[in-house]
């Protein structure tokens, strides 16, 4: 069908319903609006080991790529002192592609102004940005 499968996983937050939750102790503050989730200290060797295992699962499941969510702790009150440089600058500096997904509250009824504002934002610069709805159906808007 000429489709690529991108597998979601939370790379920056602890979710108390995941099977590997007993392995992580590097918790920050709770994620605002997401019960059962806490920011993770992603610089921790323990957290990185857990995330590598999650990436291995994506390979075993045949994913073409991954969507590591919640790596924007720097833009939140995270409780673990993470900065933007901890999250995205190493990828850009190494020439790796960075895909940025935004989930507008009003999707799929997003105005042209909202699309323009999202695609033109500082967060979208240097990234390949798309807008999706939280249902993760086939609706998508790609930023130019």
N, C-alpha and C. Protein backbone atom coordinates (compact mmCIF):
# COMPACT_ATOMS: atom_id res chain seq x y z
N UNK A 1 0.82 -1.19 0.00
CA UNK A 1 0.00 0.00 0.00
C UNK A 1 0.86 1.26 0.00
N UNK A 2 2.17 1.10 -0.01
CA UNK A 2 3.10 2.24 -0.05
C UNK A 2 2.91 3.17 1.14
N UNK A 3 2.66 2.60 2.30
CA UNK A 3 2.52 3.39 3.52
C UNK A 3 3.68 3.09 4.46
N UNK A 4 3.97 4.05 5.28
CA UNK A 4 4.98 3.88 6.32
C UNK A 4 4.28 3.90 7.66
N UNK A 5 4.71 3.02 8.55
CA UNK A 5 4.11 2.93 9.88
C UNK A 5 5.04 3.59 10.88
N UNK A 6 4.53 4.61 11.55
CA UNK A 6 5.27 5.31 12.59
C UNK A 6 4.68 4.88 13.92
N UNK A 7 5.48 4.28 14.77
CA UNK A 7 4.99 3.78 16.06
C UNK A 7 5.21 4.83 17.15
N UNK A 8 4.17 5.06 17.91
CA UNK A 8 4.19 6.02 19.02
C UNK A 8 4.78 5.37 20.27
N UNK A 9 5.58 6.13 21.00
CA UNK A 9 5.91 5.75 22.37
C UNK A 9 6.31 7.01 23.13
N UNK A 10 6.10 6.98 24.41
CA UNK A 10 6.46 8.13 25.23
C UNK A 10 7.92 7.99 25.64
N UNK A 11 8.76 8.87 25.11
CA UNK A 11 10.19 8.83 25.41
C UNK A 11 10.56 9.74 26.56
N UNK A 12 9.66 10.65 26.94
CA UNK A 12 10.01 11.62 27.98
C UNK A 12 9.11 11.60 29.19
N UNK A 13 8.18 10.65 29.22
CA UNK A 13 7.31 10.59 30.39
C UNK A 13 7.11 9.16 30.86
N UNK A 14 6.94 9.05 32.14
CA UNK A 14 6.57 7.80 32.80
C UNK A 14 5.06 7.70 32.75
N UNK A 15 4.55 6.57 32.30
CA UNK A 15 3.11 6.34 32.24
C UNK A 15 2.82 5.13 33.11
N UNK A 16 2.01 5.30 34.14
CA UNK A 16 1.88 4.24 35.14
C UNK A 16 1.16 2.98 34.66
N UNK A 17 0.74 2.93 33.41
CA UNK A 17 0.08 1.73 32.89
C UNK A 17 0.99 0.92 31.96
N UNK A 18 2.21 1.36 31.71
CA UNK A 18 3.12 0.64 30.82
C UNK A 18 3.77 -0.54 31.54
N UNK A 19 4.09 -1.62 30.80
CA UNK A 19 4.66 -2.80 31.45
C UNK A 19 6.05 -2.58 32.03
N UNK A 20 6.78 -1.56 31.60
CA UNK A 20 8.13 -1.34 32.12
C UNK A 20 8.19 -0.28 33.23
N UNK A 21 7.06 0.04 33.84
CA UNK A 21 7.03 1.12 34.84
C UNK A 21 7.85 0.81 36.08
N UNK A 22 8.00 -0.44 36.44
CA UNK A 22 8.75 -0.77 37.67
C UNK A 22 10.24 -0.50 37.51
N UNK A 23 10.69 -0.27 36.30
CA UNK A 23 12.12 -0.07 36.05
C UNK A 23 12.56 1.38 36.18
N UNK A 24 11.63 2.33 36.21
CA UNK A 24 12.00 3.74 36.21
C UNK A 24 11.76 4.39 37.56
N UNK A 25 12.78 5.09 38.02
CA UNK A 25 12.66 5.83 39.28
C UNK A 25 13.08 7.28 39.12
N UNK A 26 13.34 7.69 37.91
CA UNK A 26 13.87 9.02 37.63
C UNK A 26 12.74 9.98 37.24
N UNK A 27 11.81 10.18 38.18
CA UNK A 27 10.60 10.94 37.88
C UNK A 27 10.73 12.41 38.25
N UNK A 28 10.10 13.24 37.42
CA UNK A 28 9.98 14.65 37.71
C UNK A 28 8.56 14.95 38.16
N UNK A 29 8.03 16.08 37.73
CA UNK A 29 6.68 16.50 38.10
C UNK A 29 5.64 15.83 37.20
N UNK A 30 4.39 15.76 37.65
CA UNK A 30 3.32 15.20 36.80
C UNK A 30 3.09 16.06 35.56
N UNK A 31 2.69 15.41 34.47
CA UNK A 31 2.32 16.13 33.25
C UNK A 31 0.96 16.76 33.46
N UNK A 32 0.87 18.05 33.24
CA UNK A 32 -0.37 18.78 33.42
C UNK A 32 -1.43 18.27 32.44
N UNK A 33 -2.55 17.81 32.97
CA UNK A 33 -3.66 17.36 32.14
C UNK A 33 -3.59 15.90 31.72
N UNK A 34 -2.58 15.16 32.16
CA UNK A 34 -2.43 13.77 31.77
C UNK A 34 -2.25 12.91 33.03
N UNK A 35 -3.35 12.50 33.65
CA UNK A 35 -3.26 11.69 34.87
C UNK A 35 -2.44 10.42 34.66
N UNK A 36 -1.61 10.09 35.63
CA UNK A 36 -0.80 8.87 35.55
C UNK A 36 0.51 9.05 34.81
N UNK A 37 0.86 10.30 34.44
CA UNK A 37 2.12 10.55 33.72
C UNK A 37 2.97 11.55 34.48
N UNK A 38 4.28 11.29 34.47
CA UNK A 38 5.27 12.17 35.09
C UNK A 38 6.41 12.37 34.11
N UNK A 39 7.02 13.55 34.14
CA UNK A 39 8.19 13.80 33.33
C UNK A 39 9.32 12.89 33.78
N UNK A 40 10.17 12.49 32.85
CA UNK A 40 11.32 11.64 33.16
C UNK A 40 12.62 12.41 32.97
N UNK A 41 13.60 12.06 33.77
CA UNK A 41 14.95 12.60 33.61
C UNK A 41 15.60 11.83 32.46
N UNK A 42 15.45 12.35 31.25
CA UNK A 42 15.91 11.63 30.06
C UNK A 42 17.43 11.55 29.94
N UNK A 43 18.15 12.28 30.76
CA UNK A 43 19.61 12.17 30.78
C UNK A 43 20.08 10.99 31.64
N UNK A 44 19.17 10.34 32.32
CA UNK A 44 19.49 9.21 33.19
C UNK A 44 19.83 7.97 32.37
N UNK A 45 20.89 7.27 32.74
CA UNK A 45 21.26 6.02 32.06
C UNK A 45 20.13 5.00 32.16
N UNK A 46 19.45 4.97 33.29
CA UNK A 46 18.33 4.04 33.49
C UNK A 46 17.20 4.33 32.51
N UNK A 47 16.82 5.59 32.39
CA UNK A 47 15.75 5.96 31.46
C UNK A 47 16.16 5.66 30.03
N UNK A 48 17.38 5.94 29.67
CA UNK A 48 17.84 5.67 28.31
C UNK A 48 17.82 4.18 28.00
N UNK A 49 18.13 3.35 28.98
CA UNK A 49 18.07 1.88 28.81
C UNK A 49 16.62 1.45 28.52
N UNK A 50 15.68 2.02 29.26
CA UNK A 50 14.26 1.71 29.05
C UNK A 50 13.82 2.14 27.66
N UNK A 51 14.23 3.34 27.23
CA UNK A 51 13.84 3.84 25.91
C UNK A 51 14.47 3.02 24.79
N UNK A 52 15.69 2.55 24.99
CA UNK A 52 16.31 1.67 23.98
C UNK A 52 15.52 0.38 23.84
N UNK A 53 15.02 -0.15 24.96
CA UNK A 53 14.19 -1.36 24.90
C UNK A 53 12.88 -1.08 24.16
N UNK A 54 12.32 0.13 24.35
CA UNK A 54 11.10 0.50 23.62
C UNK A 54 11.40 0.61 22.12
N UNK A 55 12.55 1.14 21.77
CA UNK A 55 12.93 1.22 20.36
C UNK A 55 13.11 -0.18 19.77
N UNK A 56 13.71 -1.09 20.55
CA UNK A 56 13.86 -2.48 20.10
C UNK A 56 12.49 -3.10 19.83
N UNK A 57 11.50 -2.80 20.67
CA UNK A 57 10.13 -3.29 20.45
C UNK A 57 9.57 -2.77 19.13
N UNK A 58 9.84 -1.51 18.83
CA UNK A 58 9.36 -0.94 17.57
C UNK A 58 9.97 -1.67 16.38
N UNK A 59 11.25 -2.03 16.48
CA UNK A 59 11.90 -2.78 15.41
C UNK A 59 11.25 -4.15 15.26
N UNK A 60 11.04 -4.84 16.38
CA UNK A 60 10.42 -6.17 16.36
C UNK A 60 9.02 -6.14 15.77
N UNK A 61 8.30 -5.05 15.97
CA UNK A 61 6.94 -4.92 15.46
C UNK A 61 6.90 -4.45 14.01
N UNK A 62 8.06 -4.15 13.43
CA UNK A 62 8.12 -3.77 12.03
C UNK A 62 7.84 -2.31 11.75
N UNK A 63 8.01 -1.45 12.72
CA UNK A 63 7.77 -0.03 12.53
C UNK A 63 8.82 0.56 11.58
N UNK A 64 8.38 1.45 10.72
CA UNK A 64 9.30 2.13 9.81
C UNK A 64 10.00 3.31 10.49
N UNK A 65 9.40 3.81 11.54
CA UNK A 65 9.95 4.93 12.30
C UNK A 65 9.23 5.00 13.63
N UNK A 66 9.63 5.94 14.46
CA UNK A 66 8.99 6.10 15.76
C UNK A 66 8.62 7.56 15.99
N UNK A 67 7.61 7.75 16.82
CA UNK A 67 7.21 9.08 17.28
C UNK A 67 7.48 9.12 18.78
N UNK A 68 8.68 9.54 19.17
CA UNK A 68 8.99 9.62 20.61
C UNK A 68 8.34 10.87 21.20
N UNK A 69 7.24 10.67 21.89
CA UNK A 69 6.46 11.79 22.41
C UNK A 69 7.01 12.28 23.74
N UNK A 70 6.57 13.45 24.12
CA UNK A 70 6.89 14.06 25.41
C UNK A 70 8.38 14.31 25.62
N UNK A 71 9.04 14.74 24.56
CA UNK A 71 10.44 15.13 24.71
C UNK A 71 10.57 16.64 24.86
N UNK A 72 9.42 17.28 25.07
CA UNK A 72 9.41 18.74 25.23
C UNK A 72 9.32 19.17 26.69
N UNK A 73 9.95 18.41 27.56
CA UNK A 73 9.94 18.76 28.98
C UNK A 73 10.48 20.17 29.21
N UNK A 74 11.42 20.60 28.39
CA UNK A 74 12.02 21.92 28.52
C UNK A 74 10.99 23.04 28.43
N UNK A 75 9.87 22.76 27.77
CA UNK A 75 8.82 23.76 27.56
C UNK A 75 7.73 23.65 28.62
N UNK A 76 8.01 22.88 29.67
CA UNK A 76 7.04 22.62 30.74
C UNK A 76 7.73 22.69 32.09
N UNK A 77 6.94 22.76 33.14
CA UNK A 77 7.47 22.74 34.50
C UNK A 77 7.75 21.28 34.84
N UNK A 78 8.95 20.79 34.46
CA UNK A 78 9.23 19.36 34.46
C UNK A 78 9.79 18.78 35.76
N UNK A 79 10.38 19.60 36.59
CA UNK A 79 10.90 19.11 37.86
C UNK A 79 12.20 18.34 37.75
N UNK A 80 12.80 18.27 36.57
CA UNK A 80 14.06 17.56 36.40
C UNK A 80 15.11 18.42 35.68
N UNK A 81 14.83 19.72 35.56
CA UNK A 81 15.77 20.71 35.01
C UNK A 81 16.22 20.43 33.59
N UNK A 82 15.36 19.83 32.77
CA UNK A 82 15.73 19.59 31.38
C UNK A 82 15.57 20.86 30.55
N UNK A 83 16.48 21.05 29.61
CA UNK A 83 16.46 22.22 28.74
C UNK A 83 16.23 21.78 27.29
N UNK A 84 16.01 22.74 26.40
CA UNK A 84 15.82 22.42 24.99
C UNK A 84 17.05 21.72 24.41
N UNK A 85 18.22 22.10 24.84
CA UNK A 85 19.45 21.45 24.36
C UNK A 85 19.48 19.98 24.73
N UNK A 86 18.85 19.59 25.84
CA UNK A 86 18.79 18.19 26.22
C UNK A 86 17.89 17.38 25.29
N UNK A 87 16.95 18.06 24.64
CA UNK A 87 15.93 17.34 23.88
C UNK A 87 16.17 17.29 22.37
N UNK A 88 16.49 18.41 21.74
CA UNK A 88 16.49 18.41 20.27
C UNK A 88 17.81 18.82 19.63
N UNK A 89 18.62 19.62 20.27
CA UNK A 89 19.81 20.12 19.56
C UNK A 89 20.78 19.03 19.12
N UNK A 90 20.99 17.93 19.90
CA UNK A 90 21.92 16.89 19.42
C UNK A 90 21.47 16.26 18.10
N UNK A 91 20.17 16.11 17.87
CA UNK A 91 19.68 15.51 16.62
C UNK A 91 20.00 16.41 15.43
N UNK A 92 19.71 17.68 15.57
CA UNK A 92 19.94 18.62 14.49
C UNK A 92 21.43 18.72 14.18
N UNK A 93 22.25 18.79 15.22
CA UNK A 93 23.69 18.93 15.05
C UNK A 93 24.30 17.73 14.34
N UNK A 94 23.69 16.56 14.48
CA UNK A 94 24.19 15.35 13.83
C UNK A 94 23.55 15.10 12.47
N UNK A 95 22.77 16.06 12.00
CA UNK A 95 22.16 15.94 10.68
C UNK A 95 21.04 14.93 10.59
N UNK A 96 20.45 14.58 11.71
CA UNK A 96 19.35 13.61 11.71
C UNK A 96 18.02 14.35 11.48
N UNK A 97 17.10 13.70 10.77
CA UNK A 97 15.80 14.35 10.56
C UNK A 97 15.01 14.39 11.86
N UNK A 98 14.33 15.48 12.09
CA UNK A 98 13.48 15.62 13.26
C UNK A 98 12.07 15.91 12.76
N UNK A 99 11.15 15.04 13.10
CA UNK A 99 9.76 15.19 12.71
C UNK A 99 8.99 15.73 13.90
N UNK A 100 8.21 16.74 13.65
CA UNK A 100 7.50 17.46 14.70
C UNK A 100 6.01 17.31 14.44
N UNK A 101 5.28 16.80 15.42
CA UNK A 101 3.84 16.58 15.27
C UNK A 101 3.10 17.44 16.29
N UNK A 102 2.16 18.23 15.80
CA UNK A 102 1.30 19.03 16.67
C UNK A 102 -0.11 18.49 16.56
N UNK A 103 -0.83 18.52 17.68
CA UNK A 103 -2.20 18.02 17.75
C UNK A 103 -3.13 19.17 18.13
N UNK A 104 -3.60 19.94 17.15
CA UNK A 104 -4.47 21.09 17.46
C UNK A 104 -5.77 20.63 18.11
N UNK A 105 -6.24 21.40 19.08
CA UNK A 105 -7.47 21.08 19.80
C UNK A 105 -8.68 20.97 18.88
N UNK A 106 -8.71 21.77 17.83
CA UNK A 106 -9.88 21.82 16.96
C UNK A 106 -9.74 20.96 15.70
N UNK A 107 -8.75 20.08 15.64
CA UNK A 107 -8.57 19.22 14.47
C UNK A 107 -9.77 18.30 14.31
N UNK A 108 -10.21 18.04 13.09
CA UNK A 108 -9.63 18.45 11.82
C UNK A 108 -10.13 19.79 11.29
N UNK A 109 -10.88 20.53 12.07
CA UNK A 109 -11.41 21.83 11.62
C UNK A 109 -10.44 22.95 11.97
N UNK A 110 -9.25 22.90 11.41
CA UNK A 110 -8.19 23.85 11.72
C UNK A 110 -8.23 24.97 10.69
N UNK A 111 -8.22 26.20 11.17
CA UNK A 111 -8.27 27.34 10.27
C UNK A 111 -6.92 27.53 9.57
N UNK A 112 -6.94 28.22 8.46
CA UNK A 112 -5.71 28.53 7.73
C UNK A 112 -4.75 29.33 8.60
N UNK A 113 -5.28 30.21 9.44
CA UNK A 113 -4.44 31.00 10.34
C UNK A 113 -3.74 30.11 11.36
N UNK A 114 -4.48 29.13 11.93
CA UNK A 114 -3.87 28.21 12.90
C UNK A 114 -2.77 27.38 12.24
N UNK A 115 -3.01 26.94 11.00
CA UNK A 115 -2.00 26.18 10.28
C UNK A 115 -0.77 27.06 10.06
N UNK A 116 -0.99 28.29 9.60
CA UNK A 116 0.11 29.21 9.36
C UNK A 116 0.88 29.50 10.64
N UNK A 117 0.16 29.73 11.74
CA UNK A 117 0.82 30.01 13.02
C UNK A 117 1.65 28.82 13.49
N UNK A 118 1.11 27.61 13.36
CA UNK A 118 1.84 26.41 13.79
C UNK A 118 3.05 26.17 12.91
N UNK A 119 2.85 26.21 11.61
CA UNK A 119 3.94 25.93 10.68
C UNK A 119 5.02 27.00 10.71
N UNK A 120 4.67 28.21 11.06
CA UNK A 120 5.64 29.30 11.11
C UNK A 120 6.25 29.52 12.48
N UNK A 121 5.89 28.70 13.45
CA UNK A 121 6.38 28.91 14.81
C UNK A 121 7.85 28.52 14.95
N UNK A 122 8.47 29.03 15.99
CA UNK A 122 9.87 28.69 16.27
C UNK A 122 10.02 27.20 16.54
N UNK A 123 8.99 26.58 17.13
CA UNK A 123 9.05 25.14 17.41
C UNK A 123 9.13 24.33 16.13
N UNK A 124 8.59 24.84 15.03
CA UNK A 124 8.57 24.10 13.77
C UNK A 124 9.83 24.30 12.93
N UNK A 125 10.64 25.30 13.28
CA UNK A 125 11.83 25.58 12.47
C UNK A 125 12.81 24.42 12.53
N UNK A 126 13.44 24.13 11.42
CA UNK A 126 14.42 23.04 11.25
C UNK A 126 13.80 21.65 11.34
N UNK A 127 12.48 21.56 11.47
CA UNK A 127 11.83 20.26 11.60
C UNK A 127 10.88 20.03 10.43
N UNK A 128 10.53 18.78 10.22
CA UNK A 128 9.47 18.42 9.29
C UNK A 128 8.20 18.33 10.14
N UNK A 129 7.32 19.31 10.01
CA UNK A 129 6.17 19.44 10.89
C UNK A 129 4.88 19.02 10.21
N UNK A 130 4.06 18.27 10.95
CA UNK A 130 2.72 17.91 10.49
C UNK A 130 1.73 18.18 11.62
N UNK A 131 0.48 18.39 11.24
CA UNK A 131 -0.61 18.52 12.20
C UNK A 131 -1.48 17.27 12.09
N UNK A 132 -1.81 16.68 13.24
CA UNK A 132 -2.64 15.48 13.30
C UNK A 132 -3.72 15.70 14.35
N UNK A 133 -4.77 14.88 14.29
CA UNK A 133 -5.74 14.92 15.38
C UNK A 133 -5.44 13.78 16.35
N UNK A 134 -5.95 13.90 17.56
CA UNK A 134 -5.65 12.93 18.61
C UNK A 134 -6.21 11.54 18.32
N UNK A 135 -7.13 11.42 17.35
CA UNK A 135 -7.65 10.10 16.99
C UNK A 135 -6.64 9.31 16.17
N UNK A 136 -5.59 9.96 15.70
CA UNK A 136 -4.53 9.35 14.90
C UNK A 136 -5.08 8.62 13.68
N UNK A 137 -6.10 9.22 13.07
CA UNK A 137 -6.64 8.66 11.84
C UNK A 137 -5.79 9.16 10.67
N UNK A 138 -6.32 9.12 9.44
CA UNK A 138 -5.51 9.50 8.30
C UNK A 138 -5.51 11.00 8.00
N UNK A 139 -6.18 11.82 8.83
CA UNK A 139 -6.18 13.27 8.64
C UNK A 139 -4.80 13.81 9.00
N UNK A 140 -4.23 14.61 8.08
CA UNK A 140 -2.92 15.21 8.32
C UNK A 140 -2.79 16.47 7.47
N UNK A 141 -2.11 17.45 8.01
CA UNK A 141 -1.69 18.63 7.25
C UNK A 141 -0.18 18.71 7.38
N UNK A 142 0.48 18.77 6.25
CA UNK A 142 1.94 18.90 6.23
C UNK A 142 2.31 20.36 6.08
N UNK A 143 3.23 20.82 6.90
CA UNK A 143 3.71 22.19 6.75
C UNK A 143 4.65 22.27 5.56
N UNK A 144 4.58 23.41 4.86
CA UNK A 144 5.47 23.56 3.68
C UNK A 144 6.93 23.67 4.09
